[in-house]
Amino acid sequence: MDILSTPNQYLFELKTTSPAEAKRLWRRKIKEKWEYECAYCGADTDLTIDHVVPRAKGGADFTNNVVCCCAPCNQNKGHQSWEEWYFSQDFFDKDRYEKIQDWMKPEKENLFLYRPRRNNCS
């Protein structure tokens, strides 16, 4: 099963029947995609989920806005801009930076794309 955009999609597609289980599954899938390593420093212990654009600054609970992150990086980053914070870290890595940028790109398939409908009544 591939990773879905939000925990609610796991409920809508009947992958699970409880909101708590949907959130656990979504978080586990994100960690799997990041190979159980911090997206910023590469640590593999004390892993959490970090909103790249903090929710306090308008970041959404969508897959492309959350990454696997170790607790120290998550605490240190706080509500700062991820790029400003990451550039100032000793462990900054260009490859990891580009991987995060690629992760944040919008999905190619836009489910809310407007398509005119044909009127069959006439």
PDB file of N, CA and C in Angstrom:
ATOM      1  N   MET A   1       0.852  -1.179   0.000  1.00  0.00           N
ATOM      2  CA  MET A   1       0.000   0.000   0.000  1.00  0.00           C
ATOM      3  C   MET A   1       0.893   1.236   0.000  1.00  0.00           C
ATOM      4  N   ASP A   2       0.589   2.166  -0.886  1.00  0.00           N
ATOM      5  CA  ASP A   2       1.351   3.397  -0.984  1.00  0.00           C
ATOM      6  C   ASP A   2       0.863   4.397   0.050  1.00  0.00           C
ATOM      7  N   ILE A   3       1.650   5.428   0.272  1.00  0.00           N
ATOM      8  CA  ILE A   3       1.302   6.456   1.262  1.00  0.00           C
ATOM      9  C   ILE A   3       0.201   7.360   0.706  1.00  0.00           C
ATOM     10  N   LEU A   4      -0.767   7.675   1.535  1.00  0.00           N
ATOM     11  CA  LEU A   4      -1.868   8.560   1.141  1.00  0.00           C
ATOM     12  C   LEU A   4      -1.606   9.967   1.665  1.00  0.00           C
ATOM     13  N   SER A   5      -2.354  10.939   1.168  1.00  0.00           N
ATOM     14  CA  SER A   5      -2.092  12.351   1.459  1.00  0.00           C
ATOM     15  C   SER A   5      -2.397  12.774   2.890  1.00  0.00           C
ATOM     16  N   THR A   6      -3.412  12.201   3.498  1.00  0.00           N
ATOM     17  CA  THR A   6      -3.806  12.587   4.852  1.00  0.00           C
ATOM     18  C   THR A   6      -4.282  11.353   5.616  1.00  0.00           C
ATOM     19  N   PRO A   7      -4.313  11.442   6.940  1.00  0.00           N
ATOM     20  CA  PRO A   7      -4.866  10.321   7.704  1.00  0.00           C
ATOM     21  C   PRO A   7      -6.321  10.028   7.341  1.00  0.00           C
ATOM     22  N   ASN A   8      -7.077  11.069   7.019  1.00  0.00           N
ATOM     23  CA  ASN A   8      -8.491  10.876   6.689  1.00  0.00           C
ATOM     24  C   ASN A   8      -8.682  10.022   5.445  1.00  0.00           C
ATOM     25  N   GLN A   9      -7.722  10.047   4.525  1.00  0.00           N
ATOM     26  CA  GLN A   9      -7.863   9.227   3.327  1.00  0.00           C
ATOM     27  C   GLN A   9      -7.837   7.740   3.663  1.00  0.00           C
ATOM     28  N   TYR A  10      -7.118   7.370   4.720  1.00  0.00           N
ATOM     29  CA  TYR A  10      -7.109   5.966   5.132  1.00  0.00           C
ATOM     30  C   TYR A  10      -8.499   5.540   5.606  1.00  0.00           C
ATOM     31  N   LEU A  11      -9.236   6.479   6.186  1.00  0.00           N
ATOM     32  CA  LEU A  11     -10.617   6.193   6.594  1.00  0.00           C
ATOM     33  C   LEU A  11     -11.540   6.151   5.382  1.00  0.00           C
ATOM     34  N   PHE A  12     -11.413   7.140   4.496  1.00  0.00           N
ATOM     35  CA  PHE A  12     -12.298   7.225   3.335  1.00  0.00           C
ATOM     36  C   PHE A  12     -12.134   6.021   2.418  1.00  0.00           C
ATOM     37  N   GLU A  13     -10.917   5.504   2.307  1.00  0.00           N
ATOM     38  CA  GLU A  13     -10.663   4.359   1.429  1.00  0.00           C
ATOM     39  C   GLU A  13     -10.766   3.025   2.176  1.00  0.00           C
ATOM     40  N   LEU A  14     -11.264   3.091   3.405  1.00  0.00           N
ATOM     41  CA  LEU A  14     -11.513   1.922   4.246  1.00  0.00           C
ATOM     42  C   LEU A  14     -10.268   1.058   4.458  1.00  0.00           C
ATOM     43  N   LYS A  15      -9.101   1.707   4.567  1.00  0.00           N
ATOM     44  CA  LYS A  15      -7.874   0.999   4.922  1.00  0.00           C
ATOM     45  C   LYS A  15      -7.882   0.705   6.421  1.00  0.00           C
ATOM     46  N   THR A  16      -8.630   1.507   7.156  1.00  0.00           N
ATOM     47  CA  THR A  16      -8.801   1.338   8.593  1.00  0.00           C
ATOM     48  C   THR A  16     -10.164   1.912   8.972  1.00  0.00           C
ATOM     49  N   THR A  17     -10.628   1.602  10.175  1.00  0.00           N
ATOM     50  CA  THR A  17     -11.961   2.059  10.562  1.00  0.00           C
ATOM     51  C   THR A  17     -11.956   3.054  11.714  1.00  0.00           C
ATOM     52  N   SER A  18     -10.790   3.360  12.264  1.00  0.00           N
ATOM     53  CA  SER A  18     -10.772   4.331  13.357  1.00  0.00           C
ATOM     54  C   SER A  18      -9.806   5.475  13.031  1.00  0.00           C
ATOM     55  N   PRO A  19     -10.155   6.687  13.414  1.00  0.00           N
ATOM     56  CA  PRO A  19      -9.281   7.828  13.162  1.00  0.00           C
ATOM     57  C   PRO A  19      -7.896   7.665  13.794  1.00  0.00           C
ATOM     58  N   ALA A  20      -7.828   7.091  14.984  1.00  0.00           N
ATOM     59  CA  ALA A  20      -6.539   6.915  15.657  1.00  0.00           C
ATOM     60  C   ALA A  20      -5.650   5.957  14.868  1.00  0.00           C
ATOM     61  N   GLU A  21      -6.220   4.859  14.409  1.00  0.00           N
ATOM     62  CA  GLU A  21      -5.457   3.890  13.620  1.00  0.00           C
ATOM     63  C   GLU A  21      -5.024   4.506  12.284  1.00  0.00           C
ATOM     64  N   ALA A  22      -5.880   5.324  11.680  1.00  0.00           N
ATOM     65  CA  ALA A  22      -5.540   5.989  10.419  1.00  0.00           C
ATOM     66  C   ALA A  22      -4.323   6.899  10.603  1.00  0.00           C
ATOM     67  N   LYS A  23      -4.306   7.637  11.708  1.00  0.00           N
ATOM     68  CA  LYS A  23      -3.180   8.534  11.974  1.00  0.00           C
ATOM     69  C   LYS A  23      -1.899   7.736  12.229  1.00  0.00           C
ATOM     70  N   ARG A  24      -2.001   6.644  12.984  1.00  0.00           N
ATOM     71  CA  ARG A  24      -0.822   5.797  13.243  1.00  0.00           C
ATOM     72  C   ARG A  24      -0.280   5.218  11.941  1.00  0.00           C
ATOM     73  N   LEU A  25      -1.164   4.744  11.082  1.00  0.00           N
ATOM     74  CA  LEU A  25      -0.760   4.161   9.806  1.00  0.00           C
ATOM     75  C   LEU A  25      -0.088   5.199   8.922  1.00  0.00           C
ATOM     76  N   TRP A  26      -0.673   6.396   8.849  1.00  0.00           N
ATOM     77  CA  TRP A  26      -0.122   7.495   8.052  1.00  0.00           C
ATOM     78  C   TRP A  26       1.269   7.876   8.540  1.00  0.00           C
ATOM     79  N   ARG A  27       1.420   8.008   9.844  1.00  0.00           N
ATOM     80  CA  ARG A  27       2.720   8.367  10.420  1.00  0.00           C
ATOM     81  C   ARG A  27       3.755   7.273  10.163  1.00  0.00           C
ATOM     82  N   ARG A  28       3.350   6.013  10.281  1.00  0.00           N
ATOM     83  CA  ARG A  28       4.275   4.911  10.020  1.00  0.00           C
ATOM     84  C   ARG A  28       4.728   4.897   8.562  1.00  0.00           C
ATOM     85  N   LYS A  29       3.790   5.163   7.641  1.00  0.00           N
ATOM     86  CA  LYS A  29       4.119   5.187   6.207  1.00  0.00           C
ATOM     87  C   LYS A  29       5.107   6.314   5.895  1.00  0.00           C
ATOM     88  N   ILE A  30       4.954   7.452   6.564  1.00  0.00           N
ATOM     89  CA  ILE A  30       5.890   8.564   6.347  1.00  0.00           C
ATOM     90  C   ILE A  30       7.282   8.161   6.810  1.00  0.00           C
ATOM     91  N   LYS A  31       7.361   7.548   7.974  1.00  0.00           N
ATOM     92  CA  LYS A  31       8.666   7.096   8.479  1.00  0.00           C
ATOM     93  C   LYS A  31       9.281   6.043   7.560  1.00  0.00           C
ATOM     94  N   GLU A  32       8.448   5.155   7.025  1.00  0.00           N
ATOM     95  CA  GLU A  32       8.957   4.153   6.086  1.00  0.00           C
ATOM     96  C   GLU A  32       9.534   4.801   4.839  1.00  0.00           C
ATOM     97  N   LYS A  33       8.826   5.811   4.309  1.00  0.00           N
ATOM     98  CA  LYS A  33       9.300   6.496   3.098  1.00  0.00           C
ATOM     99  C   LYS A  33      10.639   7.182   3.332  1.00  0.00           C
ATOM    100  N   TRP A  34      10.876   7.638   4.560  1.00  0.00           N
ATOM    101  CA  TRP A  34      12.145   8.291   4.895  1.00  0.00           C
ATOM    102  C   TRP A  34      13.149   7.269   5.437  1.00  0.00           C
ATOM    103  N   GLU A  35      12.819   5.989   5.308  1.00  0.00           N
ATOM    104  CA  GLU A  35      13.691   4.890   5.725  1.00  0.00           C
ATOM    105  C   GLU A  35      14.103   4.997   7.190  1.00  0.00           C
ATOM    106  N   TYR A  36      13.172   5.443   8.007  1.00  0.00           N
ATOM    107  CA  TYR A  36      13.363   5.563   9.456  1.00  0.00           C
ATOM    108  C   TYR A  36      14.627   6.364   9.802  1.00  0.00           C
ATOM    109  N   GLU A  37      14.823   7.471   9.067  1.00  0.00           N
ATOM    110  CA  GLU A  37      15.927   8.395   9.338  1.00  0.00           C
ATOM    111  C   GLU A  37      15.382   9.810   9.365  1.00  0.00           C
ATOM    112  N   CYS A  38      15.997  10.648  10.194  1.00  0.00           N
ATOM    113  CA  CYS A  38      15.629  12.060  10.254  1.00  0.00           C
ATOM    114  C   CYS A  38      15.919  12.699   8.898  1.00  0.00           C
ATOM    115  N   ALA A  39      14.955  13.413   8.360  1.00  0.00           N
ATOM    116  CA  ALA A  39      15.126  14.062   7.065  1.00  0.00           C
ATOM    117  C   ALA A  39      16.217  15.129   7.112  1.00  0.00           C
ATOM    118  N   TYR A  40      16.451  15.699   8.291  1.00  0.00           N
ATOM    119  CA  TYR A  40      17.416  16.793   8.411  1.00  0.00           C
ATOM    120  C   TYR A  40      18.830  16.306   8.715  1.00  0.00           C
ATOM    121  N   CYS A  41      18.995  15.478   9.748  1.00  0.00           N
ATOM    122  CA  CYS A  41      20.349  15.102  10.185  1.00  0.00           C
ATOM    123  C   CYS A  41      20.704  13.650   9.922  1.00  0.00           C
ATOM    124  N   GLY A  42      19.716  12.814   9.623  1.00  0.00           N
ATOM    125  CA  GLY A  42      19.980  11.411   9.342  1.00  0.00           C
ATOM    126  C   GLY A  42      19.961  10.501  10.554  1.00  0.00           C
ATOM    127  N   ALA A  43      19.637  11.028  11.724  1.00  0.00           N
ATOM    128  CA  ALA A  43      19.578  10.194  12.935  1.00  0.00           C
ATOM    129  C   ALA A  43      18.493   9.129  12.773  1.00  0.00           C
ATOM    130  N   ASP A  44      18.677   8.005  13.450  1.00  0.00           N
ATOM    131  CA  ASP A  44      17.696   6.927  13.330  1.00  0.00           C
ATOM    132  C   ASP A  44      17.071   6.538  14.669  1.00  0.00           C
ATOM    133  N   THR A  45      17.171   7.413  15.653  1.00  0.00           N
ATOM    134  CA  THR A  45      16.561   7.146  16.962  1.00  0.00           C
ATOM    135  C   THR A  45      15.667   8.305  17.365  1.00  0.00           C
ATOM    136  N   ASP A  46      14.728   8.027  18.249  1.00  0.00           N
ATOM    137  CA  ASP A  46      13.818   9.039  18.799  1.00  0.00           C
ATOM    138  C   ASP A  46      13.092   9.798  17.683  1.00  0.00           C
ATOM    139  N   LEU A  47      12.498   9.060  16.749  1.00  0.00           N
ATOM    140  CA  LEU A  47      11.884   9.667  15.563  1.00  0.00           C
ATOM    141  C   LEU A  47      10.464  10.154  15.823  1.00  0.00           C
ATOM    142  N   THR A  48      10.155  11.298  15.245  1.00  0.00           N
ATOM    143  CA  THR A  48       8.829  11.897  15.310  1.00  0.00           C
ATOM    144  C   THR A  48       8.448  12.325  13.896  1.00  0.00           C
ATOM    145  N   ILE A  49       7.373  13.059  13.800  1.00  0.00           N
ATOM    146  CA  ILE A  49       6.943  13.646  12.533  1.00  0.00           C
ATOM    147  C   ILE A  49       7.009  15.157  12.687  1.00  0.00           C
ATOM    148  N   ASP A  50       7.612  15.836  11.715  1.00  0.00           N
ATOM    149  CA  ASP A  50       7.755  17.290  11.767  1.00  0.00           C
ATOM    150  C   ASP A  50       7.010  17.924  10.609  1.00  0.00           C
ATOM    151  N   HIS A  51       6.258  18.978  10.885  1.00  0.00           N
ATOM    152  CA  HIS A  51       5.650  19.771   9.824  1.00  0.00           C
ATOM    153  C   HIS A  51       6.737  20.699   9.287  1.00  0.00           C
ATOM    154  N   VAL A  52       7.089  20.548   8.029  1.00  0.00           N
ATOM    155  CA  VAL A  52       8.150  21.366   7.437  1.00  0.00           C
ATOM    156  C   VAL A  52       7.744  22.832   7.526  1.00  0.00           C
ATOM    157  N   VAL A  53       6.554  23.158   7.056  1.00  0.00           N
ATOM    158  CA  VAL A  53       5.973  24.482   7.294  1.00  0.00           C
ATOM    159  C   VAL A  53       5.090  24.298   8.526  1.00  0.00           C
ATOM    160  N   PRO A  54       5.474  24.905   9.660  1.00  0.00           N
ATOM    161  CA  PRO A  54       4.736  24.661  10.910  1.00  0.00           C
ATOM    162  C   PRO A  54       3.253  24.978  10.789  1.00  0.00           C
ATOM    163  N   ARG A  55       2.447  24.210  11.484  1.00  0.00           N
ATOM    164  CA  ARG A  55       1.002  24.457  11.470  1.00  0.00           C
ATOM    165  C   ARG A  55       0.686  25.855  11.969  1.00  0.00           C
ATOM    166  N   ALA A  56       1.480  26.361  12.902  1.00  0.00           N
ATOM    167  CA  ALA A  56       1.270  27.710  13.429  1.00  0.00           C
ATOM    168  C   ALA A  56       1.471  28.778  12.353  1.00  0.00           C
ATOM    169  N   LYS A  57       2.167  28.413  11.287  1.00  0.00           N
ATOM    170  CA  LYS A  57       2.416  29.359  10.188  1.00  0.00           C
ATOM    171  C   LYS A  57       1.670  28.966   8.928  1.00  0.00           C
ATOM    172  N   GLY A  58       0.606  28.185   9.083  1.00  0.00           N
ATOM    173  CA  GLY A  58      -0.250  27.848   7.950  1.00  0.00           C
ATOM    174  C   GLY A  58       0.060  26.528   7.284  1.00  0.00           C
ATOM    175  N   GLY A  59       0.975  25.751   7.824  1.00  0.00           N
ATOM    176  CA  GLY A  59       1.300  24.453   7.246  1.00  0.00           C
ATOM    177  C   GLY A  59       0.156  23.471   7.433  1.00  0.00           C
ATOM    178  N   ALA A  60      -0.063  22.650   6.430  1.00  0.00           N
ATOM    179  CA  ALA A  60      -1.187  21.710   6.459  1.00  0.00           C
ATOM    180  C   ALA A  60      -0.741  20.330   6.909  1.00  0.00           C
ATOM    181  N   ASP A  61      -1.718  19.500   7.260  1.00  0.00           N
ATOM    182  CA  ASP A  61      -1.468  18.106   7.635  1.00  0.00           C
ATOM    183  C   ASP A  61      -1.525  17.220   6.392  1.00  0.00           C
ATOM    184  N   PHE A  62      -0.751  17.566   5.389  1.00  0.00           N
ATOM    185  CA  PHE A  62      -0.662  16.767   4.184  1.00  0.00           C
ATOM    186  C   PHE A  62       0.695  16.096   4.133  1.00  0.00           C
ATOM    187  N   THR A  63       0.763  14.977   3.489  1.00  0.00           N
ATOM    188  CA  THR A  63       1.993  14.199   3.420  1.00  0.00           C
ATOM    189  C   THR A  63       3.165  15.016   2.912  1.00  0.00           C
ATOM    190  N   ASN A  64       2.944  15.880   1.929  1.00  0.00           N
ATOM    191  CA  ASN A  64       4.075  16.630   1.388  1.00  0.00           C
ATOM    192  C   ASN A  64       4.527  17.777   2.296  1.00  0.00           C
ATOM    193  N   ASN A  65       3.917  17.946   3.463  1.00  0.00           N
ATOM    194  CA  ASN A  65       4.355  18.966   4.419  1.00  0.00           C
ATOM    195  C   ASN A  65       4.903  18.354   5.708  1.00  0.00           C
ATOM    196  N   VAL A  66       4.964  17.037   5.799  1.00  0.00           N
ATOM    197  CA  VAL A  66       5.514  16.405   6.998  1.00  0.00           C
ATOM    198  C   VAL A  66       6.630  15.456   6.608  1.00  0.00           C
ATOM    199  N   VAL A  67       7.659  15.406   7.457  1.00  0.00           N
ATOM    200  CA  VAL A  67       8.802  14.510   7.226  1.00  0.00           C
ATOM    201  C   VAL A  67       9.116  13.762   8.514  1.00  0.00           C
ATOM    202  N   CYS A  68       9.832  12.681   8.370  1.00  0.00           N
ATOM    203  CA  CYS A  68      10.347  11.953   9.522  1.00  0.00           C
ATOM    204  C   CYS A  68      11.474  12.798  10.109  1.00  0.00           C
ATOM    205  N   CYS A  69      11.464  12.970  11.420  1.00  0.00           N
ATOM    206  CA  CYS A  69      12.402  13.883  12.053  1.00  0.00           C
ATOM    207  C   CYS A  69      12.734  13.379  13.458  1.00  0.00           C
ATOM    208  N   CYS A  70      13.995  13.525  13.860  1.00  0.00           N
ATOM    209  CA  CYS A  70      14.346  13.148  15.228  1.00  0.00           C
ATOM    210  C   CYS A  70      13.837  14.236  16.181  1.00  0.00           C
ATOM    211  N   ALA A  71      13.591  13.855  17.414  1.00  0.00           N
ATOM    212  CA  ALA A  71      13.049  14.794  18.400  1.00  0.00           C
ATOM    213  C   ALA A  71      13.965  16.010  18.615  1.00  0.00           C
ATOM    214  N   PRO A  72      15.309  15.846  18.696  1.00  0.00           N
ATOM    215  CA  PRO A  72      16.156  17.035  18.877  1.00  0.00           C
ATOM    216  C   PRO A  72      16.027  18.046  17.737  1.00  0.00           C
ATOM    217  N   CYS A  73      15.986  17.565  16.485  1.00  0.00           N
ATOM    218  CA  CYS A  73      15.816  18.495  15.353  1.00  0.00           C
ATOM    219  C   CYS A  73      14.443  19.151  15.403  1.00  0.00           C
ATOM    220  N   ASN A  74      13.413  18.371  15.724  1.00  0.00           N
ATOM    221  CA  ASN A  74      12.056  18.901  15.791  1.00  0.00           C
ATOM    222  C   ASN A  74      11.957  19.996  16.856  1.00  0.00           C
ATOM    223  N   GLN A  75      12.535  19.750  18.025  1.00  0.00           N
ATOM    224  CA  GLN A  75      12.522  20.750  19.104  1.00  0.00           C
ATOM    225  C   GLN A  75      13.322  21.989  18.723  1.00  0.00           C
ATOM    226  N   ASN A  76      14.495  21.774  18.146  1.00  0.00           N
ATOM    227  CA  ASN A  76      15.380  22.880  17.789  1.00  0.00           C
ATOM    228  C   ASN A  76      14.764  23.752  16.698  1.00  0.00           C
ATOM    229  N   LYS A  77      14.131  23.134  15.718  1.00  0.00           N
ATOM    230  CA  LYS A  77      13.522  23.881  14.609  1.00  0.00           C
ATOM    231  C   LYS A  77      12.343  24.716  15.097  1.00  0.00           C
ATOM    232  N   GLY A  78      11.521  24.148  15.926  1.00  0.00           N
ATOM    233  CA  GLY A  78      10.369  24.884  16.450  1.00  0.00           C
ATOM    234  C   GLY A  78       9.488  25.427  15.346  1.00  0.00           C
ATOM    235  N   HIS A  79       9.203  26.737  15.404  1.00  0.00           N
ATOM    236  CA  HIS A  79       8.323  27.385  14.426  1.00  0.00           C
ATOM    237  C   HIS A  79       9.099  28.167  13.381  1.00  0.00           C
ATOM    238  N   GLN A  80      10.410  27.941  13.296  1.00  0.00           N
ATOM    239  CA  GLN A  80      11.228  28.677  12.335  1.00  0.00           C
ATOM    240  C   GLN A  80      10.976  28.183  10.912  1.00  0.00           C
ATOM    241  N   SER A  81      11.364  29.021   9.956  1.00  0.00           N
ATOM    242  CA  SER A  81      11.354  28.605   8.558  1.00  0.00           C
ATOM    243  C   SER A  81      12.339  27.452   8.424  1.00  0.00           C
ATOM    244  N   TRP A  82      11.942  26.367   7.819  1.00  0.00           N
ATOM    245  CA  TRP A  82      12.796  25.183   7.757  1.00  0.00           C
ATOM    246  C   TRP A  82      14.085  25.462   6.996  1.00  0.00           C
ATOM    247  N   GLU A  83      14.018  26.261   5.930  1.00  0.00           N
ATOM    248  CA  GLU A  83      15.222  26.520   5.141  1.00  0.00           C
ATOM    249  C   GLU A  83      16.225  27.360   5.929  1.00  0.00           C
ATOM    250  N   GLU A  84      15.763  28.425   6.557  1.00  0.00           N
ATOM    251  CA  GLU A  84      16.676  29.255   7.359  1.00  0.00           C
ATOM    252  C   GLU A  84      17.305  28.428   8.473  1.00  0.00           C
ATOM    253  N   TRP A  85      16.480  27.631   9.155  1.00  0.00           N
ATOM    254  CA  TRP A  85      16.993  26.804  10.241  1.00  0.00           C
ATOM    255  C   TRP A  85      17.988  25.779   9.717  1.00  0.00           C
ATOM    256  N   TYR A  86      17.635  25.096   8.631  1.00  0.00           N
ATOM    257  CA  TYR A  86      18.476  24.017   8.118  1.00  0.00           C
ATOM    258  C   TYR A  86      19.811  24.544   7.590  1.00  0.00           C
ATOM    259  N   PHE A  87      19.794  25.689   6.905  1.00  0.00           N
ATOM    260  CA  PHE A  87      21.045  26.255   6.396  1.00  0.00           C
ATOM    261  C   PHE A  87      22.009  26.599   7.521  1.00  0.00           C
ATOM    262  N   SER A  88      21.504  26.924   8.687  1.00  0.00           N
ATOM    263  CA  SER A  88      22.363  27.332   9.806  1.00  0.00           C
ATOM    264  C   SER A  88      22.897  26.149  10.625  1.00  0.00           C
ATOM    265  N   GLN A  89      22.488  24.925  10.289  1.00  0.00           N
ATOM    266  CA  GLN A  89      22.913  23.753  11.067  1.00  0.00           C
ATOM    267  C   GLN A  89      24.260  23.216  10.575  1.00  0.00           C
ATOM    268  N   ASP A  90      25.057  22.694  11.503  1.00  0.00           N
ATOM    269  CA  ASP A  90      26.352  22.097  11.156  1.00  0.00           C
ATOM    270  C   ASP A  90      26.183  20.862  10.281  1.00  0.00           C
ATOM    271  N   PHE A  91      25.065  20.169  10.425  1.00  0.00           N
ATOM    272  CA  PHE A  91      24.845  18.937   9.676  1.00  0.00           C
ATOM    273  C   PHE A  91      24.138  19.165   8.343  1.00  0.00           C
ATOM    274  N   PHE A  92      24.047  20.423   7.888  1.00  0.00           N
ATOM    275  CA  PHE A  92      23.389  20.714   6.609  1.00  0.00           C
ATOM    276  C   PHE A  92      23.995  19.845   5.511  1.00  0.00           C
ATOM    277  N   ASP A  93      23.118  19.251   4.708  1.00  0.00           N
ATOM    278  CA  ASP A  93      23.555  18.397   3.610  1.00  0.00           C
ATOM    279  C   ASP A  93      22.723  18.744   2.378  1.00  0.00           C
ATOM    280  N   LYS A  94      23.390  19.066   1.285  1.00  0.00           N
ATOM    281  CA  LYS A  94      22.696  19.504   0.073  1.00  0.00           C
ATOM    282  C   LYS A  94      21.772  18.405  -0.465  1.00  0.00           C
ATOM    283  N   ASP A  95      22.214  17.145  -0.409  1.00  0.00           N
ATOM    284  CA  ASP A  95      21.381  16.052  -0.905  1.00  0.00           C
ATOM    285  C   ASP A  95      20.101  15.908  -0.093  1.00  0.00           C
ATOM    286  N   ARG A  96      20.216  16.017   1.228  1.00  0.00           N
ATOM    287  CA  ARG A  96      19.020  15.945   2.088  1.00  0.00           C
ATOM    288  C   ARG A  96      18.101  17.139   1.817  1.00  0.00           C
ATOM    289  N   TYR A  97      18.703  18.309   1.638  1.00  0.00           N
ATOM    290  CA  TYR A  97      17.926  19.522   1.340  1.00  0.00           C
ATOM    291  C   TYR A  97      17.102  19.313   0.066  1.00  0.00           C
ATOM    292  N   GLU A  98      17.737  18.794  -0.985  1.00  0.00           N
ATOM    293  CA  GLU A  98      17.040  18.574  -2.252  1.00  0.00           C
ATOM    294  C   GLU A  98      15.970  17.495  -2.109  1.00  0.00           C
ATOM    295  N   LYS A  99      16.245  16.481  -1.289  1.00  0.00           N
ATOM    296  CA  LYS A  99      15.251  15.428  -1.061  1.00  0.00           C
ATOM    297  C   LYS A  99      14.009  15.999  -0.376  1.00  0.00           C
ATOM    298  N   ILE A 100      14.214  16.896   0.592  1.00  0.00           N
ATOM    299  CA  ILE A 100      13.077  17.534   1.270  1.00  0.00           C
ATOM    300  C   ILE A 100      12.301  18.403   0.281  1.00  0.00           C
ATOM    301  N   GLN A 101      13.020  19.158  -0.557  1.00  0.00           N
ATOM    302  CA  GLN A 101      12.340  19.994  -1.551  1.00  0.00           C
ATOM    303  C   GLN A 101      11.512  19.141  -2.511  1.00  0.00           C
ATOM    304  N   ASP A 102      12.078  18.024  -2.973  1.00  0.00           N
ATOM    305  CA  ASP A 102      11.324  17.133  -3.861  1.00  0.00           C
ATOM    306  C   ASP A 102      10.089  16.572  -3.171  1.00  0.00           C
ATOM    307  N   TRP A 103      10.245  16.219  -1.899  1.00  0.00           N
ATOM    308  CA  TRP A 103       9.131  15.680  -1.106  1.00  0.00           C
ATOM    309  C   TRP A 103       7.991  16.691  -1.020  1.00  0.00           C
ATOM    310  N   MET A 104       8.342  17.977  -0.929  1.00  0.00           N
ATOM    311  CA  MET A 104       7.329  19.023  -0.724  1.00  0.00           C
ATOM    312  C   MET A 104       6.608  19.437  -1.999  1.00  0.00           C
ATOM    313  N   LYS A 105       7.070  18.992  -3.152  1.00  0.00           N
ATOM    314  CA  LYS A 105       6.424  19.374  -4.410  1.00  0.00           C
ATOM    315  C   LYS A 105       5.001  18.837  -4.430  1.00  0.00           C
ATOM    316  N   PRO A 106       4.079  19.627  -4.998  1.00  0.00           N
ATOM    317  CA  PRO A 106       2.683  19.165  -5.055  1.00  0.00           C
ATOM    318  C   PRO A 106       2.559  17.902  -5.901  1.00  0.00           C
ATOM    319  N   GLU A 107       1.547  17.126  -5.595  1.00  0.00           N
ATOM    320  CA  GLU A 107       1.286  15.917  -6.364  1.00  0.00           C
ATOM    321  C   GLU A 107       0.952  16.284  -7.799  1.00  0.00           C
ATOM    322  N   LYS A 108       1.341  15.415  -8.724  1.00  0.00           N
ATOM    323  CA  LYS A 108       1.085  15.678 -10.134  1.00  0.00           C
ATOM    324  C   LYS A 108      -0.398  15.614 -10.449  1.00  0.00           C
ATOM    325  N   GLU A 109      -1.088  14.754  -9.768  1.00  0.00           N
ATOM    326  CA  GLU A 109      -2.509  14.572 -10.003  1.00  0.00           C
ATOM    327  C   GLU A 109      -3.298  15.483  -9.075  1.00  0.00           C
ATOM    328  N   ASN A 110      -4.032  16.430  -9.629  1.00  0.00           N
ATOM    329  CA  ASN A 110      -4.831  17.344  -8.833  1.00  0.00           C
ATOM    330  C   ASN A 110      -6.261  16.827  -8.784  1.00  0.00           C
ATOM    331  N   LEU A 111      -6.668  16.354  -7.606  1.00  0.00           N
ATOM    332  CA  LEU A 111      -7.998  15.782  -7.474  1.00  0.00           C
ATOM    333  C   LEU A 111      -9.108  16.824  -7.538  1.00  0.00           C
ATOM    334  N   PHE A 112      -8.762  18.085  -7.388  1.00  0.00           N
ATOM    335  CA  PHE A 112      -9.769  19.139  -7.363  1.00  0.00           C
ATOM    336  C   PHE A 112      -9.751  19.982  -8.628  1.00  0.00           C
ATOM    337  N   LEU A 113      -9.186  19.443  -9.683  1.00  0.00           N
ATOM    338  CA  LEU A 113      -9.118  20.154 -10.954  1.00  0.00           C
ATOM    339  C   LEU A 113     -10.529  20.345 -11.507  1.00  0.00           C
ATOM    340  N   TYR A 114     -10.837  21.572 -11.916  1.00  0.00           N
ATOM    341  CA  TYR A 114     -12.168  21.866 -12.453  1.00  0.00           C
ATOM    342  C   TYR A 114     -12.239  21.374 -13.886  1.00  0.00           C
ATOM    343  N   ARG A 115     -13.263  20.613 -14.167  1.00  0.00           N
ATOM    344  CA  ARG A 115     -13.524  20.182 -15.539  1.00  0.00           C
ATOM    345  C   ARG A 115     -14.970  20.541 -15.857  1.00  0.00           C
ATOM    346  N   PRO A 116     -15.204  21.264 -16.961  1.00  0.00           N
ATOM    347  CA  PRO A 116     -16.576  21.593 -17.321  1.00  0.00           C
ATOM    348  C   PRO A 116     -17.380  20.324 -17.578  1.00  0.00           C
ATOM    349  N   ARG A 117     -18.614  20.354 -17.187  1.00  0.00           N
ATOM    350  CA  ARG A 117     -19.480  19.186 -17.385  1.00  0.00           C
ATOM    351  C   ARG A 117     -20.426  19.443 -18.552  1.00  0.00           C
ATOM    352  N   ARG A 118     -20.697  18.407 -19.277  1.00  0.00           N
ATOM    353  CA  ARG A 118     -21.619  18.519 -20.401  1.00  0.00           C
ATOM    354  C   ARG A 118     -23.044  18.387 -19.883  1.00  0.00           C
ATOM    355  N   ASN A 119     -23.911  19.223 -20.373  1.00  0.00           N
ATOM    356  CA  ASN A 119     -25.312  19.181 -19.972  1.00  0.00           C
ATOM    357  C   ASN A 119     -26.046  18.229 -20.900  1.00  0.00           C
ATOM    358  N   ASN A 120     -26.491  17.093 -20.369  1.00  0.00           N
ATOM    359  CA  ASN A 120     -27.187  16.103 -21.170  1.00  0.00           C
ATOM    360  C   ASN A 120     -28.691  16.318 -21.227  1.00  0.00           C
ATOM    361  N   CYS A 121     -29.194  17.344 -20.577  1.00  0.00           N
ATOM    362  CA  CYS A 121     -30.635  17.566 -20.507  1.00  0.00           C
ATOM    363  C   CYS A 121     -31.187  18.229 -21.769  1.00  0.00           C
ATOM    364  N   SER A 122     -30.368  18.915 -22.516  1.00  0.00           N
ATOM    365  CA  SER A 122     -30.894  19.644 -23.679  1.00  0.00           C
ATOM    366  C   SER A 122     -31.097  18.785 -24.867  1.00  0.00           C
TER     367      SER A 122
END
